[in-house]
Amino acid sequence: MWKDPIIEELQQQRDEYAKQFNYDLTAMFEDLKAKERLNTTHTIVSWPVSRRPVTVLPPAAEVSK
């Protein structure tokens, strides 16, 4: 099977980053959020959540009757 060297490098970097935090997702998330707050070159935009009407379907047992 052919291996993509770029993908292999990305996977290696991802593993090295995760290893710094003992593969703790919460610690990695907090680190990334801290880096995001320190980044002054990009503006973070928060868009309002769009509220769409929700269609409520009957339970599956009632649909098959």
Protein backbone atom coordinates (compact mmCIF):
# COMPACT_ATOMS: atom_id res chain seq x y z
CA MET A 1 0.00 0.00 0.00
CA TRP A 2 1.27 3.48 -0.90
CA LYS A 3 2.00 5.80 2.05
CA ASP A 4 1.68 9.54 1.80
CA PRO A 5 4.70 11.20 3.46
CA ILE A 6 2.71 14.35 4.26
CA ILE A 7 0.01 12.36 6.08
CA GLU A 8 2.66 10.39 7.96
CA GLU A 9 4.33 13.63 9.08
CA LEU A 10 1.00 15.08 10.24
CA GLN A 11 0.22 11.93 12.20
CA GLN A 12 3.66 12.03 13.81
CA GLN A 13 3.23 15.69 14.82
CA ARG A 14 -0.26 14.99 16.17
CA ASP A 15 1.09 12.10 18.24
CA GLU A 16 3.98 14.18 19.60
CA TYR A 17 1.54 16.95 20.62
CA ALA A 18 -0.81 14.49 22.32
CA LYS A 19 2.12 12.80 24.09
CA GLN A 20 3.01 16.15 25.74
CA PHE A 21 -0.35 16.01 27.53
CA ASN A 22 -0.29 12.25 28.19
CA TYR A 23 -3.11 11.93 25.62
CA ASP A 24 -5.48 13.90 27.89
CA LEU A 25 -8.08 15.50 25.60
CA THR A 26 -9.15 18.04 28.23
CA ALA A 27 -5.58 19.26 28.70
CA MET A 28 -5.05 19.49 24.93
CA PHE A 29 -8.31 21.43 24.54
CA GLU A 30 -7.33 23.88 27.28
CA ASP A 31 -3.90 24.38 25.69
CA LEU A 32 -5.42 25.06 22.28
CA LYS A 33 -7.95 27.51 23.75
CA ALA A 34 -5.12 29.35 25.55
CA LYS A 35 -3.17 29.58 22.28
CA GLU A 36 -6.32 30.83 20.56
CA ARG A 37 -6.73 33.62 23.14
CA LEU A 38 -3.09 34.67 22.69
CA ASN A 39 -3.41 34.85 18.91
CA THR A 40 -4.03 38.50 18.02
CA THR A 41 -3.64 38.13 14.27
CA HIS A 42 -7.07 36.59 13.72
CA THR A 43 -10.48 37.75 14.85
CA ILE A 44 -12.72 35.06 16.28
CA VAL A 45 -16.31 35.52 15.14
CA SER A 46 -19.26 33.86 16.80
CA TRP A 47 -22.36 33.51 14.64
CA PRO A 48 -25.82 33.24 16.17
CA VAL A 49 -27.36 29.79 16.15
CA SER A 50 -30.02 29.52 13.49
CA ARG A 51 -33.32 28.28 14.86
CA ARG A 52 -35.10 26.06 12.39
CA PRO A 53 -38.53 24.52 12.93
CA VAL A 54 -38.29 20.96 14.20
CA THR A 55 -40.52 18.25 12.78
CA VAL A 56 -41.58 15.76 15.42
CA LEU A 57 -42.16 12.28 14.05
CA PRO A 58 -44.24 9.61 15.81
CA PRO A 59 -42.39 6.63 17.29
CA ALA A 60 -41.32 3.98 14.77
CA ALA A 61 -43.96 1.47 15.99
CA GLU A 62 -46.78 3.89 15.08
CA VAL A 63 -45.32 4.66 11.67
CA SER A 64 -45.32 1.00 10.54
CA LYS A 65 -49.08 0.48 11.25
